[in-house]
Protein backbone atom coordinates (compact mmCIF):
# COMPACT_ATOMS: atom_id res chain seq x y z
CA MET A 1 100.45 92.39 146.96
CA ASP A 2 97.91 93.05 149.74
CA THR A 3 98.32 96.72 150.50
CA LYS A 4 96.04 97.11 153.52
CA HIS A 5 98.94 96.54 155.99
CA TRP A 6 101.25 98.72 153.95
CA LEU A 7 98.77 101.61 153.79
CA THR A 8 98.65 101.56 157.62
CA LEU A 9 102.46 101.73 157.71
CA ALA A 10 102.44 104.57 155.18
CA ASP A 11 100.09 106.47 157.48
CA ARG A 12 102.71 106.06 160.24
CA VAL A 13 105.41 107.46 157.96
CA GLN A 14 103.24 110.47 157.12
CA ALA A 15 102.55 111.05 160.83
CA GLU A 16 106.22 112.05 161.22
CA GLY A 17 106.65 110.02 164.37
CA ALA A 18 109.16 107.41 165.26
CA TYR A 19 108.44 105.35 162.10
CA SER A 20 110.40 106.64 159.09
CA TYR A 21 110.64 105.88 155.35
CA ALA A 22 113.77 103.83 156.20
CA ASP A 23 111.77 101.74 158.66
CA PHE A 24 109.15 101.24 155.95
CA ALA A 25 111.84 100.17 153.48
CA ARG A 26 113.37 97.72 155.92
CA ASP A 27 109.92 96.27 156.63
CA LEU A 28 109.37 95.78 152.88
CA VAL A 29 112.66 93.82 152.77
CA GLY A 30 111.60 91.81 155.79
CA GLN A 31 108.33 90.88 154.15
CA PHE A 32 109.31 90.40 150.49
CA ALA A 33 113.12 89.82 150.66
CA TRP A 34 115.49 92.18 148.91
CA HIS A 35 114.42 91.54 145.31
CA GLY A 36 110.68 91.64 146.03
CA ALA A 37 111.04 94.84 148.03
CA LEU A 38 113.21 96.34 145.29
CA ASP A 39 110.39 95.65 142.79
CA VAL A 40 107.99 97.63 145.00
CA ALA A 41 110.52 100.47 145.32
CA THR A 42 111.05 100.48 141.57
CA VAL A 43 107.33 100.84 141.02
CA LEU A 44 107.16 103.67 143.61
CA ARG A 45 109.99 105.36 141.75
CA SER A 46 107.98 105.11 138.45
CA TYR A 47 105.14 107.01 140.12
CA VAL A 48 107.61 109.60 141.49
CA TYR A 49 108.79 110.26 137.95
CA GLY A 50 105.20 110.29 136.62
CA GLN A 51 105.71 107.22 134.45
CA PRO A 52 103.78 104.36 136.09
CA GLY A 53 103.21 101.20 134.13
CA GLY A 54 100.11 99.11 133.77
CA SER A 55 101.23 95.85 135.42
CA ASP A 56 99.38 94.26 138.29
CA LEU A 57 102.13 95.36 140.63
CA HIS A 58 101.84 98.96 139.44
CA LYS A 59 98.11 98.86 140.09
CA ALA A 60 98.60 97.36 143.53
CA VAL A 61 101.22 99.93 144.51
CA GLU A 62 99.35 102.99 143.33
CA PRO A 63 97.31 103.36 146.56
CA LEU A 64 100.55 103.04 148.48
CA TYR A 65 102.15 105.81 146.44
CA ARG A 66 99.10 108.03 147.02
CA ARG A 67 99.21 107.38 150.76
CA LEU A 68 102.97 107.90 151.13
CA GLY A 69 102.96 110.96 148.86
CA TRP A 70 105.60 112.05 146.42
CA GLN A 71 108.33 112.93 148.90
CA GLN A 72 108.14 109.79 151.07
CA SER A 73 107.86 107.58 148.01
CA ALA A 74 110.99 109.17 146.63
CA LEU A 75 112.82 108.59 149.86
CA VAL A 76 111.78 104.95 149.97
CA ALA A 77 112.96 104.46 146.39
CA CYS A 78 116.24 106.23 147.18
CA TRP A 79 116.82 104.03 150.21
CA PHE A 80 117.09 101.03 147.89
CA ARG A 81 119.63 102.83 145.72
CA ASP A 82 121.98 103.45 148.64
CA ALA A 83 124.70 100.77 148.53
CA ASN A 84 124.98 100.82 152.31
CA ASN A 85 121.47 99.35 152.54
CA ARG A 86 122.12 96.46 150.16
CA PRO A 87 122.68 93.02 151.58
CA THR A 88 126.25 91.85 151.25
CA ASP A 89 125.27 88.17 151.25
CA HIS A 90 122.58 87.74 148.64
CA ARG A 91 121.15 84.75 150.51
CA ARG A 92 119.99 86.99 153.32
CA THR A 93 118.36 90.41 153.76
CA PRO A 94 119.51 93.31 155.91
């Protein structure tokens, strides 16, 4: 995962402007499809709980977690747990 683009988007979330954690989550889905974005959200959640792993994805997502911060990372992870955000047709993304 190339995080440069995502770090820029994380900065936009932290700026408390018109770009929110939900926008960030939807952009993850747009880029990585549901399951790939869910993997990123799961890694973010592991950082929120203070239990990150050592996989390549965990290492790649750590700067993103640090840039988003604990609160925004938790919100992104929670967005994926909300059933209303899940795709109803698994062949497409919301």
